[in-house]
Amino acid sequence: MTRDEINAVILEIIADIDEDAETTDINADEPLRDQLDLDSMDFLDIVMELRKRYKIQIPEEDYPQLASLSSCVNYLESKLKDF
């Protein structure tokens, strides 16, 4: 997957979890929780959806690397390169 495809998937998952989320105005370098109304359960739902869709493991100690949109893309780029 390309970086743009990964970015689109993350935004799609966020929109599925929070229908009211305004994903068009997201600053890629700011923490997602600060920009959207995401709580801990929403964050875990994002992780679980990534696991389910792509059969990838995301260890809990890596969760901080998923804080912003750009850090998510950076983290997932190597894990999703074969998709």
N, C-alpha and C. Protein backbone atom coordinates (compact mmCIF):
# COMPACT_ATOMS: atom_id res chain seq x y z
N MET A 1 0.84 -1.18 0.00
CA MET A 1 0.00 0.00 0.00
C MET A 1 0.88 1.24 0.00
N THR A 2 0.39 2.26 -0.65
CA THR A 2 1.11 3.53 -0.66
C THR A 2 0.76 4.32 0.60
N ARG A 3 1.52 5.36 0.84
CA ARG A 3 1.25 6.22 1.99
C ARG A 3 -0.14 6.85 1.88
N ASP A 4 -0.52 7.25 0.67
CA ASP A 4 -1.84 7.85 0.47
C ASP A 4 -2.96 6.84 0.73
N GLU A 5 -2.76 5.60 0.33
CA GLU A 5 -3.76 4.56 0.58
C GLU A 5 -3.89 4.27 2.07
N ILE A 6 -2.77 4.23 2.76
CA ILE A 6 -2.80 4.00 4.22
C ILE A 6 -3.51 5.16 4.90
N ASN A 7 -3.20 6.37 4.49
CA ASN A 7 -3.85 7.56 5.03
C ASN A 7 -5.36 7.47 4.84
N ALA A 8 -5.79 7.09 3.64
CA ALA A 8 -7.22 6.99 3.34
C ALA A 8 -7.89 5.92 4.19
N VAL A 9 -7.22 4.79 4.41
CA VAL A 9 -7.77 3.71 5.22
C VAL A 9 -7.96 4.18 6.66
N ILE A 10 -6.99 4.86 7.19
CA ILE A 10 -7.08 5.35 8.58
C ILE A 10 -8.26 6.31 8.72
N LEU A 11 -8.38 7.23 7.77
CA LEU A 11 -9.49 8.19 7.82
C LEU A 11 -10.84 7.48 7.66
N GLU A 12 -10.88 6.45 6.83
CA GLU A 12 -12.11 5.67 6.65
C GLU A 12 -12.50 4.97 7.95
N ILE A 13 -11.52 4.37 8.61
CA ILE A 13 -11.79 3.69 9.88
C ILE A 13 -12.28 4.69 10.93
N ILE A 14 -11.65 5.85 11.00
CA ILE A 14 -12.08 6.88 11.95
C ILE A 14 -13.52 7.29 11.66
N ALA A 15 -13.85 7.50 10.39
CA ALA A 15 -15.21 7.90 10.02
C ALA A 15 -16.22 6.81 10.36
N ASP A 16 -15.83 5.55 10.23
CA ASP A 16 -16.72 4.45 10.59
C ASP A 16 -16.97 4.39 12.09
N ILE A 17 -15.95 4.70 12.87
CA ILE A 17 -16.06 4.63 14.33
C ILE A 17 -16.81 5.84 14.87
N ASP A 18 -16.53 7.01 14.32
CA ASP A 18 -17.16 8.26 14.77
C ASP A 18 -17.75 8.97 13.56
N GLU A 19 -19.03 8.75 13.33
CA GLU A 19 -19.69 9.32 12.16
C GLU A 19 -19.66 10.84 12.13
N ASP A 20 -19.51 11.46 13.29
CA ASP A 20 -19.48 12.92 13.37
C ASP A 20 -18.08 13.50 13.21
N ALA A 21 -17.09 12.65 13.08
CA ALA A 21 -15.71 13.12 12.98
C ALA A 21 -15.51 13.90 11.68
N GLU A 22 -14.90 15.05 11.80
CA GLU A 22 -14.60 15.89 10.65
C GLU A 22 -13.18 15.58 10.20
N THR A 23 -13.05 14.60 9.31
CA THR A 23 -11.73 14.12 8.92
C THR A 23 -11.05 14.98 7.86
N THR A 24 -11.76 15.90 7.25
CA THR A 24 -11.16 16.72 6.20
C THR A 24 -10.23 17.79 6.76
N ASP A 25 -10.40 18.15 8.01
CA ASP A 25 -9.61 19.22 8.62
C ASP A 25 -8.50 18.72 9.52
N ILE A 26 -8.17 17.46 9.44
CA ILE A 26 -7.16 16.89 10.34
C ILE A 26 -5.77 17.38 9.96
N ASN A 27 -5.05 17.86 10.97
CA ASN A 27 -3.64 18.19 10.81
C ASN A 27 -2.87 16.90 11.05
N ALA A 28 -2.16 16.45 10.03
CA ALA A 28 -1.50 15.14 10.08
C ALA A 28 -0.46 15.01 11.19
N ASP A 29 0.06 16.12 11.67
CA ASP A 29 1.12 16.07 12.68
C ASP A 29 0.63 16.29 14.11
N GLU A 30 -0.63 16.60 14.28
CA GLU A 30 -1.20 16.80 15.61
C GLU A 30 -1.84 15.50 16.10
N PRO A 31 -1.82 15.25 17.40
CA PRO A 31 -2.46 14.04 17.93
C PRO A 31 -3.94 13.97 17.53
N LEU A 32 -4.36 12.79 17.09
CA LEU A 32 -5.74 12.60 16.66
C LEU A 32 -6.72 12.85 17.80
N ARG A 33 -6.37 12.43 18.99
CA ARG A 33 -7.27 12.61 20.14
C ARG A 33 -7.53 14.08 20.43
N ASP A 34 -6.55 14.94 20.16
CA ASP A 34 -6.73 16.37 20.39
C ASP A 34 -7.63 17.01 19.32
N GLN A 35 -7.70 16.40 18.16
CA GLN A 35 -8.45 16.98 17.06
C GLN A 35 -9.86 16.39 16.91
N LEU A 36 -10.02 15.17 17.35
CA LEU A 36 -11.29 14.48 17.21
C LEU A 36 -11.80 14.06 18.58
N ASP A 37 -13.04 13.73 18.65
CA ASP A 37 -13.62 13.31 19.91
C ASP A 37 -13.43 11.81 20.08
N LEU A 38 -12.17 11.38 20.16
CA LEU A 38 -11.84 9.96 20.30
C LEU A 38 -11.45 9.67 21.74
N ASP A 39 -12.09 8.65 22.30
CA ASP A 39 -11.69 8.22 23.63
C ASP A 39 -10.83 6.96 23.52
N SER A 40 -10.48 6.38 24.63
CA SER A 40 -9.62 5.19 24.64
C SER A 40 -10.24 4.03 23.88
N MET A 41 -11.54 3.85 24.03
CA MET A 41 -12.21 2.76 23.33
C MET A 41 -12.22 2.98 21.83
N ASP A 42 -12.40 4.22 21.40
CA ASP A 42 -12.35 4.53 19.97
C ASP A 42 -10.98 4.20 19.41
N PHE A 43 -9.95 4.56 20.15
CA PHE A 43 -8.58 4.28 19.72
C PHE A 43 -8.37 2.76 19.58
N LEU A 44 -8.84 2.01 20.55
CA LEU A 44 -8.71 0.56 20.49
C LEU A 44 -9.51 -0.02 19.33
N ASP A 45 -10.65 0.58 19.03
CA ASP A 45 -11.45 0.15 17.87
C ASP A 45 -10.68 0.35 16.57
N ILE A 46 -9.93 1.44 16.48
CA ILE A 46 -9.10 1.69 15.29
C ILE A 46 -8.04 0.60 15.17
N VAL A 47 -7.37 0.31 16.26
CA VAL A 47 -6.33 -0.72 16.27
C VAL A 47 -6.93 -2.08 15.89
N MET A 48 -8.07 -2.41 16.48
CA MET A 48 -8.70 -3.70 16.21
C MET A 48 -9.15 -3.81 14.75
N GLU A 49 -9.63 -2.73 14.19
CA GLU A 49 -10.05 -2.75 12.79
C GLU A 49 -8.84 -2.96 11.88
N LEU A 50 -7.73 -2.33 12.18
CA LEU A 50 -6.50 -2.54 11.40
C LEU A 50 -6.06 -3.99 11.49
N ARG A 51 -6.13 -4.55 12.68
CA ARG A 51 -5.77 -5.96 12.87
C ARG A 51 -6.68 -6.87 12.05
N LYS A 52 -7.98 -6.58 12.11
CA LYS A 52 -8.96 -7.42 11.43
C LYS A 52 -8.81 -7.34 9.90
N ARG A 53 -8.68 -6.14 9.39
CA ARG A 53 -8.60 -5.96 7.94
C ARG A 53 -7.32 -6.51 7.33
N TYR A 54 -6.21 -6.30 8.01
CA TYR A 54 -4.90 -6.59 7.40
C TYR A 54 -4.13 -7.70 8.10
N LYS A 55 -4.72 -8.29 9.14
CA LYS A 55 -4.06 -9.40 9.84
C LYS A 55 -2.67 -9.01 10.33
N ILE A 56 -2.55 -7.81 10.87
CA ILE A 56 -1.27 -7.35 11.41
C ILE A 56 -1.38 -7.26 12.93
N GLN A 57 -0.27 -7.42 13.58
CA GLN A 57 -0.21 -7.28 15.02
C GLN A 57 0.35 -5.91 15.36
N ILE A 58 -0.31 -5.24 16.28
CA ILE A 58 0.16 -3.95 16.77
C ILE A 58 0.28 -4.08 18.28
N PRO A 59 1.50 -4.29 18.77
CA PRO A 59 1.68 -4.45 20.22
C PRO A 59 1.30 -3.18 20.97
N GLU A 60 0.83 -3.35 22.17
CA GLU A 60 0.39 -2.22 22.98
C GLU A 60 1.51 -1.18 23.17
N GLU A 61 2.73 -1.65 23.26
CA GLU A 61 3.84 -0.69 23.45
C GLU A 61 4.06 0.19 22.21
N ASP A 62 3.47 -0.19 21.08
CA ASP A 62 3.58 0.62 19.86
C ASP A 62 2.45 1.63 19.72
N TYR A 63 1.46 1.59 20.57
CA TYR A 63 0.31 2.50 20.46
C TYR A 63 0.70 3.98 20.39
N PRO A 64 1.71 4.43 21.15
CA PRO A 64 2.09 5.84 21.03
C PRO A 64 2.51 6.25 19.62
N GLN A 65 2.97 5.29 18.83
CA GLN A 65 3.37 5.59 17.46
C GLN A 65 2.16 5.82 16.55
N LEU A 66 0.96 5.61 17.07
CA LEU A 66 -0.26 5.81 16.31
C LEU A 66 -1.00 7.08 16.73
N ALA A 67 -0.32 7.96 17.41
CA ALA A 67 -0.97 9.13 17.97
C ALA A 67 -1.48 10.12 16.92
N SER A 68 -0.69 10.39 15.91
CA SER A 68 -1.10 11.33 14.86
C SER A 68 -1.30 10.59 13.55
N LEU A 69 -1.93 11.26 12.61
CA LEU A 69 -2.16 10.63 11.31
C LEU A 69 -0.84 10.31 10.62
N SER A 70 0.10 11.25 10.65
CA SER A 70 1.39 10.99 9.98
C SER A 70 2.18 9.90 10.68
N SER A 71 2.13 9.85 12.01
CA SER A 71 2.85 8.79 12.71
C SER A 71 2.19 7.43 12.45
N CYS A 72 0.87 7.40 12.31
CA CYS A 72 0.17 6.15 11.94
C CYS A 72 0.66 5.66 10.58
N VAL A 73 0.69 6.56 9.62
CA VAL A 73 1.13 6.19 8.28
C VAL A 73 2.56 5.70 8.32
N ASN A 74 3.42 6.41 9.03
CA ASN A 74 4.83 5.99 9.14
C ASN A 74 4.94 4.60 9.75
N TYR A 75 4.19 4.36 10.80
CA TYR A 75 4.24 3.07 11.49
C TYR A 75 3.71 1.95 10.61
N LEU A 76 2.60 2.19 9.95
CA LEU A 76 1.93 1.14 9.17
C LEU A 76 2.55 0.90 7.80
N GLU A 77 3.33 1.83 7.31
CA GLU A 77 3.88 1.71 5.96
C GLU A 77 4.64 0.40 5.77
N SER A 78 5.51 0.06 6.68
CA SER A 78 6.28 -1.20 6.52
C SER A 78 5.42 -2.43 6.76
N LYS A 79 4.44 -2.31 7.65
CA LYS A 79 3.57 -3.46 7.95
C LYS A 79 2.60 -3.77 6.80
N LEU A 80 2.26 -2.75 6.01
CA LEU A 80 1.26 -2.92 4.96
C LEU A 80 1.88 -2.88 3.56
N LYS A 81 3.17 -2.98 3.46
CA LYS A 81 3.82 -2.85 2.15
C LYS A 81 3.41 -3.93 1.16
N ASP A 82 2.97 -5.08 1.64
CA ASP A 82 2.60 -6.18 0.75
C ASP A 82 1.13 -6.21 0.39
N PHE A 83 0.37 -5.22 0.82
CA PHE A 83 -1.07 -5.19 0.51
C PHE A 83 -1.34 -4.35 -0.70
